[in-house]
Amino acid sequence: MLSNLPLARSAVDPDSDARRTPGLLGRLAVDPRTLVVLVHHGRVATRPDGGLDLRRSTELPGSPWPPDQLGYLGRDDDAAYLVLVLPEDLGAERDLDGVPVHEDAALADLAARCTFSHLRDVGDAFGDRDAGLATTAVALAAWHARHPRCPRCGEPTQVVESGWVRRCDVDHSLHYPRTDPAVIMAVTDAEDRILLGHAAHWPEGRFSTLAGYVEPGESLENAVRREVHEETGVVVGPVQYMGSQPWPFPASLMLGFSARVAPGAGTDVRVDGVEITDARFFAREELRAAVREGWLHLPMRSSIARSLIEDWFGGPVG
């Protein structure tokens, strides 16, 4: 089993019962103890030392903020935490001197002075508290951005329950953040070689474990077998669950597995040429040499793929 996966860590109580408290966000926004995670273009504000650049709510301009920009992330013994999603066009409109003329000019100035980092690149360096806060903040921001309207009637929805529910005032339906289950698997053969593939949209030389979304009516184990066979032609037999972590880009839950090539099945690889353009089995020394020579690049350390590969390898690859 995989443990301590980078984006599966958290040290903050989600305090989900409090989300329904009327006026919660307004009270927290004016409480000087409240800390805020800033999200802009799907990235989180970070400090030079690698942690989250958390800001006191009372020190941020623009309050009160629109409800679809704000969400409650929970609390610990030190503080309550909010996410503030900055508008994508923040600071885009400027006067002749280049000064933002948007009504949120002060917030645009703050954003310009912040460093925003992609969670995929920095999540493994975060402590448990920051990893949990950042992952939840990015996931909520992505959900709100993609679901502003009711999927039943198409009318705009209102944000309620401290950013965790959207309500349609026309048909009165409630809509919750979605999570898309995806399987990701370290497939090995009888020689204990690992199967890695190169996706069509990746940079040259990037190889990783195979992965894919779970289809309706499908078990996780069957999803592993189907995806591997569809993408490489390899037939998988035994499947073992290894662990999971959120991957909010925009809304996945990555469910990690180890899998073995079915007894008697061949190891000839036939890529689909659409999603996967190259795939091959690697022995440990072959993988180590490819990484050292620089022609093969492994996935980032924040991914469960990297954890699966290094679990099979027996430690860091390099």
Protein backbone atom coordinates (compact mmCIF):
# COMPACT_ATOMS: atom_id res chain seq x y z
CA MET A 1 0.00 0.00 0.00
CA LEU A 2 1.10 3.54 -0.73
CA SER A 3 1.30 5.92 2.21
CA ASN A 4 1.65 9.68 2.63
CA LEU A 5 0.69 10.47 -0.96
CA PRO A 6 1.47 14.16 -1.63
CA LEU A 7 -2.03 15.47 -2.32
CA ALA A 8 -3.82 13.06 0.02
CA ARG A 9 -2.38 14.73 3.12
CA SER A 10 -4.29 17.11 5.37
CA ALA A 11 -4.04 18.51 8.88
CA VAL A 12 -7.16 20.72 8.88
CA ASP A 13 -10.58 19.72 10.17
CA PRO A 14 -13.02 20.25 7.25
CA ASP A 15 -15.66 21.23 9.82
CA SER A 16 -18.38 20.27 7.36
CA ASP A 17 -21.24 20.74 9.83
CA ALA A 18 -20.42 24.45 10.09
CA ARG A 19 -20.85 25.05 6.35
CA ARG A 20 -24.62 25.44 6.79
CA THR A 21 -24.24 28.15 9.44
CA PRO A 22 -25.91 31.34 8.17
CA GLY A 23 -23.46 34.19 7.67
CA LEU A 24 -20.40 32.04 8.35
CA LEU A 25 -18.31 33.41 5.48
CA GLY A 26 -19.14 37.01 6.36
CA ARG A 27 -18.08 36.54 9.96
CA LEU A 28 -14.87 34.77 9.06
CA ALA A 29 -14.00 37.41 6.47
CA VAL A 30 -13.83 40.11 9.17
CA ASP A 31 -12.10 37.94 11.76
CA PRO A 32 -8.37 38.83 11.90
CA ARG A 33 -7.53 35.23 12.82
CA THR A 34 -8.90 33.90 9.51
CA LEU A 35 -6.31 32.88 6.92
CA VAL A 36 -7.03 32.91 3.19
CA VAL A 37 -5.70 30.75 0.34
CA LEU A 38 -5.51 32.79 -2.87
CA VAL A 39 -6.26 31.00 -6.16
CA HIS A 40 -5.78 32.59 -9.59
CA HIS A 41 -6.02 30.78 -12.93
CA GLY A 42 -6.08 27.47 -11.06
CA ARG A 43 -2.83 28.23 -9.23
CA VAL A 44 -2.21 28.90 -5.55
CA ALA A 45 -0.23 31.76 -4.01
CA THR A 46 3.06 30.44 -2.61
CA ARG A 47 5.97 31.76 -0.57
CA PRO A 48 9.62 31.62 -1.63
CA ASP A 49 10.24 28.91 0.98
CA GLY A 50 7.71 26.64 -0.72
CA GLY A 51 4.67 26.97 1.58
CA LEU A 52 1.31 28.57 0.89
CA ASP A 53 1.26 32.35 0.96
CA LEU A 54 -1.67 32.60 3.39
CA ARG A 55 -3.08 36.09 3.99
CA ARG A 56 -5.12 37.47 6.88
CA SER A 57 -8.66 38.05 5.67
CA THR A 58 -8.78 41.51 7.20
CA GLU A 59 -5.65 42.54 5.28
CA LEU A 60 -7.11 41.71 1.86
CA PRO A 61 -8.81 44.41 -0.21
CA GLY A 62 -12.19 44.05 -1.90
CA SER A 63 -14.25 42.57 0.93
CA PRO A 64 -17.11 41.67 0.93
CA TRP A 65 -16.30 39.32 -1.92
CA PRO A 66 -18.89 37.70 -4.21
CA PRO A 67 -20.07 34.32 -2.87
CA ASP A 68 -18.83 32.40 -5.91
CA GLN A 69 -15.26 33.58 -5.17
CA LEU A 70 -15.25 32.41 -1.56
CA GLY A 71 -15.32 29.06 0.20
CA TYR A 72 -14.81 27.63 3.68
CA LEU A 73 -11.92 25.16 3.91
CA GLY A 74 -12.16 24.27 7.61
CA ARG A 75 -10.20 25.05 10.77
CA ASP A 76 -7.50 23.89 13.12
CA ASP A 77 -6.32 25.08 16.53
CA ASP A 78 -4.66 28.12 14.97
CA ALA A 79 -7.19 29.53 12.51
CA ALA A 80 -10.16 29.14 10.23
CA TYR A 81 -9.33 28.95 6.52
CA LEU A 82 -11.03 30.37 3.43
CA VAL A 83 -10.28 30.19 -0.27
CA LEU A 84 -10.59 33.37 -2.30
CA VAL A 85 -10.71 32.77 -6.06
CA LEU A 86 -9.48 35.83 -7.91
CA PRO A 87 -11.27 36.65 -11.20
CA GLU A 88 -9.36 35.47 -14.25
CA ASP A 89 -9.53 38.94 -15.83
CA LEU A 90 -8.36 40.66 -12.66
CA GLY A 91 -6.31 43.72 -13.59
CA ALA A 92 -6.75 43.17 -17.33
CA GLU A 93 -8.38 46.56 -17.95
CA ARG A 94 -5.85 49.39 -17.56
CA ASP A 95 -5.67 53.13 -18.18
CA LEU A 96 -3.14 54.93 -20.38
CA ASP A 97 -0.53 54.75 -17.64
CA GLY A 98 -0.96 50.99 -17.29
CA VAL A 99 -2.78 51.22 -13.97
CA PRO A 100 -5.65 48.74 -13.46
CA VAL A 101 -9.04 50.48 -13.66
CA HIS A 102 -11.07 47.44 -12.66
CA GLU A 103 -13.07 47.99 -9.48
CA ASP A 104 -10.81 45.41 -7.86
CA ALA A 105 -7.64 47.37 -8.67
CA ALA A 106 -6.25 46.91 -5.17
CA LEU A 107 -6.79 43.17 -5.39
CA ALA A 108 -5.17 43.15 -8.84
CA ASP A 109 -2.17 44.93 -7.37
CA LEU A 110 -1.94 42.29 -4.63
CA ALA A 111 -2.16 39.49 -7.21
CA ALA A 112 0.62 41.08 -9.24
CA ARG A 113 2.86 40.97 -6.18
CA CYS A 114 2.08 37.32 -5.42
CA THR A 115 3.75 34.24 -6.84
CA PHE A 116 1.18 31.74 -8.10
CA SER A 117 2.29 28.13 -8.54
CA HIS A 118 0.64 25.09 -10.06
CA LEU A 119 -0.24 22.49 -7.47
CA ARG A 120 1.17 19.73 -9.68
CA ASP A 121 4.59 21.37 -9.45
CA VAL A 122 4.71 22.29 -5.76
CA GLY A 123 2.28 19.99 -3.94
CA ASP A 124 4.90 17.44 -2.91
CA ALA A 125 6.92 20.18 -1.16
CA PHE A 126 3.99 21.36 0.99
CA GLY A 127 3.49 20.31 4.58
CA ASP A 128 0.36 18.36 5.46
CA ARG A 129 -1.68 21.47 6.29
CA ASP A 130 -0.82 23.33 3.11
CA ALA A 131 -1.22 20.26 0.89
CA GLY A 132 -4.77 19.69 2.13
CA LEU A 133 -5.75 23.36 1.96
CA ALA A 134 -4.34 23.88 -1.52
CA THR A 135 -5.86 20.72 -2.98
CA THR A 136 -9.32 21.54 -1.64
CA ALA A 137 -9.06 25.18 -2.71
CA VAL A 138 -8.09 24.31 -6.29
CA ALA A 139 -10.82 21.66 -6.51
CA LEU A 140 -13.55 24.04 -5.31
CA ALA A 141 -12.36 26.79 -7.64
CA ALA A 142 -12.44 24.45 -10.65
CA TRP A 143 -15.94 23.21 -9.79
CA HIS A 144 -17.42 26.70 -9.48
CA ALA A 145 -15.77 27.81 -12.72
CA ARG A 146 -17.22 24.87 -14.68
CA HIS A 147 -20.69 24.67 -13.15
CA PRO A 148 -22.26 28.15 -12.96
CA ARG A 149 -25.60 26.92 -14.33
CA CYS A 150 -28.16 24.30 -13.37
CA PRO A 151 -27.63 21.06 -15.33
CA ARG A 152 -31.40 20.45 -15.24
CA CYS A 153 -32.82 23.71 -16.57
CA GLY A 154 -29.80 25.79 -17.55
CA GLU A 155 -30.56 28.72 -15.27
CA PRO A 156 -27.81 30.38 -13.18
CA THR A 157 -27.28 28.88 -9.73
CA GLN A 158 -26.60 30.55 -6.39
CA VAL A 159 -23.72 29.56 -4.12
CA VAL A 160 -24.84 28.37 -0.67
CA GLU A 161 -23.46 26.41 2.28
CA SER A 162 -20.20 28.36 2.45
CA GLY A 163 -19.18 27.53 -1.12
CA TRP A 164 -19.96 23.79 -1.07
CA VAL A 165 -23.37 23.75 -2.78
CA ARG A 166 -24.94 25.52 -5.76
CA ARG A 167 -28.72 25.97 -5.69
CA CYS A 168 -31.03 26.59 -8.61
CA ASP A 169 -33.72 29.10 -7.62
CA VAL A 170 -35.89 28.06 -10.59
CA ASP A 171 -36.27 24.29 -10.10
CA HIS A 172 -34.89 24.31 -6.49
CA SER A 173 -32.34 21.57 -7.19
CA LEU A 174 -29.08 21.38 -5.25
CA HIS A 175 -25.74 20.61 -6.89
CA TYR A 176 -22.58 19.45 -5.17
CA PRO A 177 -18.89 19.39 -6.13
CA ARG A 178 -18.26 16.46 -8.44
CA THR A 179 -15.41 14.00 -8.39
CA ASP A 180 -14.50 11.85 -11.39
CA PRO A 181 -12.96 8.49 -10.42
CA ALA A 182 -9.93 7.49 -12.48
CA VAL A 183 -7.76 4.40 -12.19
CA ILE A 184 -3.98 4.55 -12.50
CA MET A 185 -1.91 1.39 -12.49
CA ALA A 186 1.59 0.04 -12.27
CA VAL A 187 1.44 -3.00 -14.55
CA THR A 188 4.23 -5.56 -14.23
CA ASP A 189 5.00 -8.77 -16.11
CA ALA A 190 6.40 -12.16 -15.03
CA GLU A 191 9.92 -10.67 -15.07
CA ASP A 192 8.77 -7.85 -12.79
CA ARG A 193 9.26 -5.22 -15.49
CA ILE A 194 6.96 -2.19 -15.34
CA LEU A 195 4.79 -0.98 -18.23
CA LEU A 196 5.08 2.77 -18.91
CA GLY A 197 3.48 4.78 -21.68
CA HIS A 198 3.84 8.13 -23.46
CA ALA A 199 0.62 10.08 -24.01
CA ALA A 200 0.16 11.92 -27.29
CA HIS A 201 -0.14 15.35 -25.66
CA TRP A 202 2.93 15.02 -23.41
CA PRO A 203 6.38 16.51 -24.05
CA GLU A 204 8.85 14.23 -25.79
CA GLY A 205 10.38 11.67 -23.45
CA ARG A 206 7.72 11.83 -20.72
CA PHE A 207 6.66 8.33 -19.62
CA SER A 208 4.25 7.37 -16.87
CA THR A 209 1.94 4.63 -15.67
CA LEU A 210 -1.26 4.06 -17.62
CA ALA A 211 -4.48 5.67 -16.40
CA GLY A 212 -8.08 6.28 -17.43
CA TYR A 213 -11.54 7.19 -16.24
CA VAL A 214 -13.98 4.69 -14.80
CA GLU A 215 -16.99 4.16 -17.05
CA PRO A 216 -20.62 3.92 -15.86
CA GLY A 217 -21.48 0.47 -14.54
CA GLU A 218 -17.83 -0.55 -14.30
CA SER A 219 -15.88 -1.80 -11.30
CA LEU A 220 -12.48 -0.31 -10.55
CA GLU A 221 -10.74 -3.60 -11.29
CA ASN A 222 -12.45 -3.94 -14.66
CA ALA A 223 -11.56 -0.34 -15.47
CA VAL A 224 -7.89 -1.21 -14.89
CA ARG A 225 -8.10 -4.21 -17.21
CA ARG A 226 -10.05 -2.35 -19.92
CA GLU A 227 -7.80 0.72 -19.99
CA VAL A 228 -4.58 -1.31 -20.17
CA HIS A 229 -5.93 -3.49 -22.98
CA GLU A 230 -7.39 -0.57 -24.93
CA GLU A 231 -4.21 1.47 -24.79
CA THR A 232 -1.53 -1.22 -25.13
CA GLY A 233 -3.16 -4.57 -26.00
CA VAL A 234 -1.76 -6.11 -22.81
CA VAL A 235 -4.10 -8.43 -20.90
CA VAL A 236 -4.14 -7.88 -17.13
CA GLY A 237 -4.96 -10.52 -14.54
CA PRO A 238 -4.62 -9.89 -10.77
CA VAL A 239 -5.28 -6.32 -9.61
CA GLN A 240 -4.50 -4.91 -6.16
CA TYR A 241 -5.58 -1.56 -4.72
CA MET A 242 -2.66 0.58 -3.55
CA GLY A 243 -4.09 3.94 -2.46
CA SER A 244 -5.72 7.13 -3.72
CA GLN A 245 -5.31 10.87 -3.86
CA PRO A 246 -7.31 13.79 -5.27
CA TRP A 247 -6.11 15.27 -8.54
CA PRO A 248 -8.17 18.45 -8.95
CA PHE A 249 -7.29 19.22 -12.58
CA PRO A 250 -10.16 19.73 -12.71
CA ALA A 251 -11.97 17.07 -10.64
CA SER A 252 -10.34 13.65 -10.56
CA LEU A 253 -9.82 11.16 -7.77
CA MET A 254 -6.89 8.97 -8.73
CA LEU A 255 -7.28 5.39 -7.51
CA GLY A 256 -3.93 3.63 -7.64
CA PHE A 257 -3.45 -0.08 -8.38
CA SER A 258 -0.73 -2.59 -9.01
CA ALA A 259 -1.58 -5.13 -11.69
CA ARG A 260 0.05 -8.19 -13.19
CA VAL A 261 -0.01 -9.37 -16.76
CA ALA A 262 -2.42 -12.32 -16.92
CA PRO A 263 -0.71 -15.73 -16.69
CA GLY A 264 0.02 -17.01 -20.19
CA ALA A 265 -0.69 -13.65 -21.81
CA GLY A 266 1.94 -12.10 -24.02
CA THR A 267 3.84 -8.88 -23.37
CA ASP A 268 3.78 -7.57 -26.92
CA VAL A 269 2.68 -3.93 -26.75
CA ARG A 270 0.36 -2.44 -29.38
CA VAL A 271 -0.40 1.20 -28.60
CA ASP A 272 -3.69 2.72 -29.73
CA GLY A 273 -1.87 5.59 -31.46
CA VAL A 274 -4.48 8.06 -30.26
CA GLU A 275 -4.12 8.43 -26.50
CA ILE A 276 -0.85 6.50 -26.20
CA THR A 277 1.85 6.81 -28.88
CA ASP A 278 4.54 4.71 -27.21
CA ALA A 279 4.61 2.13 -24.42
CA ARG A 280 7.14 -0.43 -23.29
CA PHE A 281 8.21 -2.60 -20.36
CA PHE A 282 11.23 -1.45 -18.34
CA ALA A 283 13.44 -3.44 -16.00
CA ARG A 284 14.74 -1.45 -13.04
CA GLU A 285 18.23 -0.92 -14.44
CA GLU A 286 16.80 0.02 -17.84
CA LEU A 287 14.62 2.67 -16.25
CA ARG A 288 17.44 4.00 -14.09
CA ALA A 289 19.73 4.29 -17.12
CA ALA A 290 17.07 6.01 -19.24
CA VAL A 291 16.45 8.61 -16.53
CA ARG A 292 20.16 9.23 -16.00
CA GLU A 293 20.78 9.55 -19.74
CA GLY A 294 18.02 12.15 -19.87
CA TRP A 295 15.89 10.76 -22.69
CA LEU A 296 13.16 9.55 -20.31
CA HIS A 297 11.35 11.90 -17.93
CA LEU A 298 9.17 10.59 -15.11
CA PRO A 299 5.97 12.27 -13.86
CA MET A 300 6.19 15.01 -11.22
CA ARG A 301 6.62 13.98 -7.60
CA SER A 302 3.20 15.29 -6.59
CA SER A 303 1.50 12.61 -8.73
CA ILE A 304 0.42 9.18 -7.59
CA ALA A 305 2.06 7.88 -10.77
CA ARG A 306 5.49 8.78 -9.40
CA SER A 307 4.67 7.05 -6.12
CA LEU A 308 3.57 3.89 -7.94
CA ILE A 309 6.75 3.82 -10.01
CA GLU A 310 9.03 4.36 -7.03
CA ASP A 311 7.14 1.80 -4.94
CA TRP A 312 7.87 -0.77 -7.64
CA PHE A 313 11.44 0.49 -8.07
CA GLY A 314 12.13 0.30 -4.34
CA GLY A 315 12.97 3.95 -3.82
CA PRO A 316 13.74 7.17 -5.73
CA VAL A 317 14.69 6.65 -9.38
CA GLY A 318 17.87 8.34 -10.48
